[in-house]
Amino acid sequence: MKIVTDCAADMSAEELEQLGVTAAPLFINFPEGEINATEISADDFYNRLEAMRPAIPTTAQPSAGIFAELYRKLAEKDKDIFSIHISSGLSGTINSAHDGGGQVAPSANVNFWDTLTLSGGERFQVMAAALAIKAGWAMDAVQERLKKIRENTEVIYTLDTLEYLARGGRIGRVKALAGALLNLKPVIRVDSDGKYSTVGNGRTLSKSMAMIADNMREKYGNTPVWVTVLHGRFAEKADVLSAEFKEKLNIAKLEVARISPVLGVHTGPGIVGAAIVPMDLMSDLAG
């Protein structure tokens, strides 16, 4: 069985190759033209983003045709395909995948999975699926594990500024303006319906990062967890948040990674947060 995901899963090229996963591209539309989000480095992207202010680029999901082409190519080697994607509550990507799958049936048998999350949370589900399939798990067992991971994973972050969310239409302008005037640093999570909600607001980034760690301590207690700290261009804050987690959580594994430029369009470089999953849902697969 072949696995397809999208670049919002924040998986490196090396990781995709190692797991045998194909990532569909998402796109960033700059004034001078559209680029594949996987073909620009994070730093080059943020340089361009900041140079555009006050304008921002837009993003676009893969077309049904792109998915159909991917599925046709993969079906030459294996007719069975599992397509795992960013939350339907945040993107229409999985709808394009469904339409693409319809174009190639019955030459390809495509199953679809809505992760109801993004970034590191999506990555955990893609990794689990790839490892479980390599280990010979049946599809119903794979999906049952993904359901448990989906229900027990947190994706949570804070922002240095609400400017990018406001300009991209991802947050009410009045709310954004009020937050900006008060210099609030919101703590935002992905809910069980795959959409964003606000956990709280800190007056400083330090307070918001402490709020994230406290919130995760309340959720996970002493459960061993795998933590992926994620940031745009905020490495120093990623180190601070990592230290908060080390103090307050039972860390089984901790790593630091960059979020995809296609997600950074809506947050700007000043984003720091994490994806967290109980280690027992991954350890029998990841070792």
Protein backbone atom coordinates (compact mmCIF):
# COMPACT_ATOMS: atom_id res chain seq x y z
CA MET A 1 0.00 0.00 0.00
CA LYS A 2 1.21 3.50 -0.89
CA ILE A 3 0.69 6.53 1.34
CA VAL A 4 0.00 10.07 0.17
CA THR A 5 -0.11 13.16 2.39
CA ASP A 6 0.41 16.89 1.82
CA CYS A 7 3.18 19.32 2.69
CA ALA A 8 1.19 20.77 5.61
CA ALA A 9 2.33 17.68 7.56
CA ASP A 10 5.75 19.33 8.00
CA MET A 11 7.71 16.20 7.12
CA SER A 12 11.25 16.53 5.81
CA ALA A 13 12.25 15.14 2.42
CA GLU A 14 14.45 12.61 4.21
CA GLU A 15 11.58 11.47 6.42
CA LEU A 16 9.21 11.11 3.47
CA GLU A 17 11.77 9.03 1.59
CA GLN A 18 12.54 6.84 4.59
CA LEU A 19 8.86 6.10 5.21
CA GLY A 20 7.95 5.79 1.53
CA VAL A 21 5.39 8.60 1.69
CA THR A 22 4.46 10.90 -1.20
CA ALA A 23 3.54 14.49 -0.26
CA ALA A 24 1.23 16.50 -2.48
CA PRO A 25 2.32 20.13 -2.77
CA LEU A 26 0.42 23.15 -1.53
CA PHE A 27 1.06 26.47 -3.21
CA ILE A 28 1.89 30.05 -2.25
CA ASN A 29 0.70 32.81 -4.56
CA PHE A 30 3.09 35.76 -4.58
CA PRO A 31 2.37 38.82 -6.77
CA GLU A 32 5.03 37.62 -9.23
CA GLY A 33 3.51 34.14 -9.49
CA GLU A 34 2.70 30.86 -7.79
CA ILE A 35 5.36 28.67 -6.21
CA ASN A 36 5.33 25.16 -4.84
CA ALA A 37 5.62 25.54 -1.05
CA THR A 38 8.11 22.67 -0.91
CA GLU A 39 10.48 24.50 -3.25
CA ILE A 40 11.29 27.49 -1.05
CA SER A 41 13.29 27.41 2.16
CA ALA A 42 11.70 28.71 5.33
CA ASP A 43 14.15 31.59 5.63
CA ASP A 44 13.77 32.64 1.99
CA PHE A 45 10.01 32.54 2.42
CA TYR A 46 9.99 34.71 5.54
CA ASN A 47 12.32 37.20 3.88
CA ARG A 48 9.86 37.53 1.00
CA LEU A 49 6.88 37.63 3.35
CA GLU A 50 8.30 40.47 5.42
CA ALA A 51 9.34 42.39 2.29
CA MET A 52 5.73 42.34 1.08
CA ARG A 53 4.24 44.04 4.14
CA PRO A 54 1.53 45.17 4.49
CA ALA A 55 0.36 42.80 1.72
CA ILE A 56 0.58 39.04 2.16
CA PRO A 57 0.52 36.16 -0.33
CA THR A 58 -2.34 33.70 -0.56
CA THR A 59 -2.28 29.91 -0.44
CA ALA A 60 -3.84 27.27 -2.65
CA GLN A 61 -4.53 23.58 -2.14
CA PRO A 62 -3.52 20.92 -4.68
CA SER A 63 -5.99 20.47 -7.52
CA ALA A 64 -7.92 17.26 -8.10
CA GLY A 65 -5.77 16.81 -11.20
CA ILE A 66 -2.58 16.86 -9.16
CA PHE A 67 -3.95 14.15 -6.89
CA ALA A 68 -5.18 12.09 -9.83
CA GLU A 69 -1.70 12.24 -11.39
CA LEU A 70 -0.09 11.16 -8.11
CA TYR A 71 -2.54 8.29 -7.66
CA ARG A 72 -2.09 7.06 -11.25
CA LYS A 73 1.69 7.01 -10.89
CA LEU A 74 1.57 5.19 -7.55
CA ALA A 75 -1.04 2.71 -8.80
CA GLU A 76 1.45 1.48 -11.39
CA LYS A 77 3.27 -0.13 -8.45
CA ASP A 78 0.44 -0.68 -5.97
CA LYS A 79 -3.28 -0.21 -6.61
CA ASP A 80 -4.03 0.36 -2.90
CA ILE A 81 -3.40 3.93 -1.70
CA PHE A 82 -4.04 5.61 1.65
CA SER A 83 -4.35 9.41 1.40
CA ILE A 84 -3.93 11.28 4.72
CA HIS A 85 -4.52 15.02 4.87
CA ILE A 86 -4.69 18.33 6.71
CA SER A 87 -7.92 19.02 8.61
CA SER A 88 -11.01 19.56 6.49
CA GLY A 89 -11.84 22.30 8.98
CA LEU A 90 -8.80 24.30 7.86
CA SER A 91 -8.33 23.39 4.18
CA GLY A 92 -10.16 21.92 1.23
CA THR A 93 -7.21 19.66 0.41
CA ILE A 94 -8.97 16.42 1.30
CA ASN A 95 -11.88 17.40 -0.96
CA SER A 96 -9.46 17.75 -3.86
CA ALA A 97 -8.00 14.37 -2.93
CA HIS A 98 -11.46 12.76 -3.03
CA ASP A 99 -12.13 14.31 -6.44
CA GLY A 100 -8.76 13.13 -7.71
CA GLY A 101 -9.43 9.64 -6.43
CA GLY A 102 -12.71 9.61 -8.31
CA GLN A 103 -10.86 10.37 -11.53
CA VAL A 104 -8.63 7.30 -11.25
CA ALA A 105 -11.09 4.69 -9.98
CA PRO A 106 -11.10 1.75 -10.45
CA SER A 107 -7.47 1.63 -11.56
CA ALA A 108 -6.54 2.85 -8.07
CA ASN A 109 -8.24 1.98 -4.79
CA VAL A 110 -7.85 5.11 -2.64
CA ASN A 111 -8.84 5.33 1.02
CA PHE A 112 -8.93 8.78 2.61
CA TRP A 113 -8.21 9.98 6.14
CA ASP A 114 -8.99 13.39 7.62
CA THR A 115 -6.42 14.03 10.36
CA LEU A 116 -8.52 16.90 11.76
CA THR A 117 -5.24 18.68 12.47
CA LEU A 118 -2.12 19.96 10.74
CA SER A 119 1.65 20.33 11.03
CA GLY A 120 3.21 18.08 13.68
CA GLY A 121 -0.16 16.59 14.59
CA GLU A 122 -0.73 15.53 11.00
CA ARG A 123 2.83 14.22 10.86
CA PHE A 124 2.26 11.87 13.81
CA GLN A 125 -0.67 10.25 12.00
CA VAL A 126 1.20 9.91 8.71
CA MET A 127 4.20 8.38 10.48
CA ALA A 128 2.01 5.93 12.39
CA ALA A 129 0.19 4.86 9.24
CA ALA A 130 3.41 4.34 7.30
CA LEU A 131 5.05 2.34 10.07
CA ALA A 132 1.96 0.25 10.74
CA ILE A 133 1.54 -0.61 7.07
CA LYS A 134 5.22 -1.52 6.81
CA ALA A 135 4.64 -3.81 9.79
CA GLY A 136 1.76 -5.52 7.97
CA TRP A 137 -1.20 -4.10 9.87
CA ALA A 138 -4.64 -4.42 8.28
CA MET A 139 -6.34 -1.18 7.22
CA ASP A 140 -8.98 -1.33 9.96
CA ALA A 141 -6.25 -1.66 12.61
CA VAL A 142 -4.31 1.24 11.06
CA GLN A 143 -7.36 3.47 11.10
CA GLU A 144 -8.21 2.52 14.67
CA ARG A 145 -4.72 3.56 15.76
CA LEU A 146 -4.95 6.80 13.80
CA LYS A 147 -8.27 7.54 15.48
CA LYS A 148 -6.66 7.16 18.90
CA ILE A 149 -3.73 9.37 17.90
CA ARG A 150 -6.12 11.96 16.47
CA GLU A 151 -8.17 12.01 19.68
CA ASN A 152 -5.15 12.30 21.97
CA THR A 153 -2.82 14.65 20.09
CA GLU A 154 -2.60 18.36 20.88
CA VAL A 155 -1.44 21.03 18.44
CA ILE A 156 -1.11 24.33 20.29
CA TYR A 157 0.78 27.54 19.62
CA THR A 158 1.18 31.22 20.33
CA LEU A 159 1.97 34.19 18.11
CA ASP A 160 4.10 37.27 18.45
CA THR A 161 1.54 39.24 16.43
CA LEU A 162 -2.04 38.84 15.18
CA GLU A 163 -1.15 40.85 12.08
CA TYR A 164 -0.85 37.93 9.67
CA LEU A 165 -3.98 36.12 10.84
CA ALA A 166 -5.91 39.37 10.46
CA ARG A 167 -4.57 40.20 6.99
CA GLY A 168 -5.22 36.65 5.83
CA GLY A 169 -8.81 36.76 7.05
CA ARG A 170 -8.22 33.95 9.54
CA ILE A 171 -9.36 35.98 12.54
CA GLY A 172 -11.91 38.75 12.91
CA ARG A 173 -10.34 42.13 12.20
CA VAL A 174 -12.02 43.79 15.18
CA LYS A 175 -10.80 41.01 17.47
CA ALA A 176 -7.34 41.21 15.95
CA LEU A 177 -7.23 44.97 16.33
CA ALA A 178 -8.30 44.75 19.97
CA GLY A 179 -5.67 42.09 20.62
CA ALA A 180 -3.00 44.14 18.89
CA LEU A 181 -3.86 47.27 20.86
CA LEU A 182 -3.56 45.31 24.09
CA ASN A 183 -0.42 43.58 22.75
CA LEU A 184 -1.92 40.19 23.59
CA LYS A 185 -0.21 36.93 22.63
CA PRO A 186 -3.02 34.43 22.01
CA VAL A 187 -2.71 30.73 22.77
CA ILE A 188 -4.49 28.81 20.01
CA ARG A 189 -5.17 25.08 19.70
CA VAL A 190 -6.74 22.76 17.16
CA ASP A 191 -10.05 21.47 18.51
CA SER A 192 -11.54 18.00 18.02
CA ASP A 193 -13.55 19.33 15.06
CA GLY A 194 -10.32 20.26 13.30
CA LYS A 195 -10.75 24.02 13.71
CA TYR A 196 -8.91 26.63 15.77
CA SER A 197 -10.00 27.85 19.19
CA THR A 198 -8.41 30.26 21.64
CA VAL A 199 -7.21 28.81 24.94
CA GLY A 200 -6.27 32.17 26.43
CA ASN A 201 -4.19 35.30 26.01
CA GLY A 202 -0.89 36.19 27.61
CA ARG A 203 0.47 39.71 28.00
CA THR A 204 3.89 38.48 26.92
CA LEU A 205 5.23 35.57 24.91
CA SER A 206 6.82 34.17 28.06
CA LYS A 207 3.44 34.07 29.79
CA SER A 208 1.77 32.51 26.76
CA MET A 209 4.45 29.81 26.51
CA ALA A 210 4.04 29.07 30.22
CA MET A 211 0.29 28.86 29.60
CA ILE A 212 0.88 26.31 26.82
CA ALA A 213 3.05 24.15 29.06
CA ASP A 214 0.60 24.41 31.99
CA ASN A 215 -2.30 23.48 29.71
CA MET A 216 -0.42 20.44 28.44
CA ARG A 217 0.52 19.43 31.98
CA GLU A 218 -3.16 19.53 32.88
CA LYS A 219 -4.02 17.35 29.89
CA TYR A 220 -1.24 14.77 30.01
CA GLY A 221 -0.19 14.73 33.67
CA ASN A 222 2.71 12.32 34.08
CA THR A 223 1.96 10.39 30.87
CA PRO A 224 5.14 9.94 28.79
CA VAL A 225 4.78 12.11 25.69
CA TRP A 226 6.47 12.76 22.36
CA VAL A 227 6.81 16.52 21.88
CA THR A 228 7.61 18.27 18.61
CA VAL A 229 8.27 21.95 19.25
CA LEU A 230 7.54 23.94 16.10
CA HIS A 231 8.38 27.48 15.06
CA GLY A 232 8.51 29.79 12.05
CA ARG A 233 11.67 31.82 12.52
CA PHE A 234 11.69 31.89 16.29
CA ALA A 235 14.43 29.46 17.34
CA GLU A 236 15.17 31.25 20.62
CA LYS A 237 11.51 31.00 21.68
CA ALA A 238 11.44 27.34 20.64
CA ASP A 239 14.29 26.78 23.10
CA VAL A 240 12.34 28.57 25.85
CA LEU A 241 9.21 26.51 25.17
CA SER A 242 11.27 23.31 25.14
CA ALA A 243 12.60 24.20 28.59
CA GLU A 244 9.03 24.79 29.84
CA PHE A 245 8.01 21.34 28.60
CA LYS A 246 11.05 19.66 30.14
CA GLU A 247 10.11 21.18 33.48
CA LYS A 248 6.40 20.36 33.37
CA LEU A 249 5.93 17.23 31.24
CA ASN A 250 7.17 13.65 31.27
CA ILE A 251 9.19 13.85 28.05
CA ALA A 252 9.85 10.56 26.27
CA LYS A 253 11.06 12.28 23.10
CA LEU A 254 11.54 15.96 22.23
CA GLU A 255 12.50 17.48 18.90
CA VAL A 256 12.44 20.96 17.38
CA ALA A 257 11.31 21.61 13.79
CA ARG A 258 10.24 24.41 11.44
CA ILE A 259 6.69 24.78 10.21
CA SER A 260 6.01 24.75 6.48
CA PRO A 261 6.05 28.10 4.65
CA VAL A 262 2.51 27.39 3.45
CA LEU A 263 1.36 27.48 7.09
CA GLY A 264 3.62 30.43 7.89
CA VAL A 265 1.69 32.58 5.41
CA HIS A 266 -1.08 32.86 8.00
CA THR A 267 1.08 33.28 11.10
CA GLY A 268 4.22 35.14 10.11
CA PRO A 269 7.66 34.18 11.41
CA GLY A 270 6.78 34.81 15.07
CA ILE A 271 5.01 31.53 15.80
CA VAL A 272 6.05 28.94 18.37
CA GLY A 273 4.11 25.94 19.59
CA ALA A 274 4.07 22.17 19.69
CA ALA A 275 2.46 18.94 18.64
CA ILE A 276 2.21 16.43 21.49
CA VAL A 277 1.12 12.78 21.51
CA PRO A 278 1.22 10.08 24.22
CA MET A 279 4.31 8.01 23.54
CA ASP A 280 2.53 4.68 23.97
CA LEU A 281 0.52 5.38 20.80
CA MET A 282 3.75 5.64 18.80
CA SER A 283 6.37 3.57 20.63
CA ASP A 284 5.29 0.15 19.36
CA LEU A 285 5.63 1.54 15.84
CA ALA A 286 8.53 4.01 16.05
CA GLY A 287 10.69 2.14 18.52
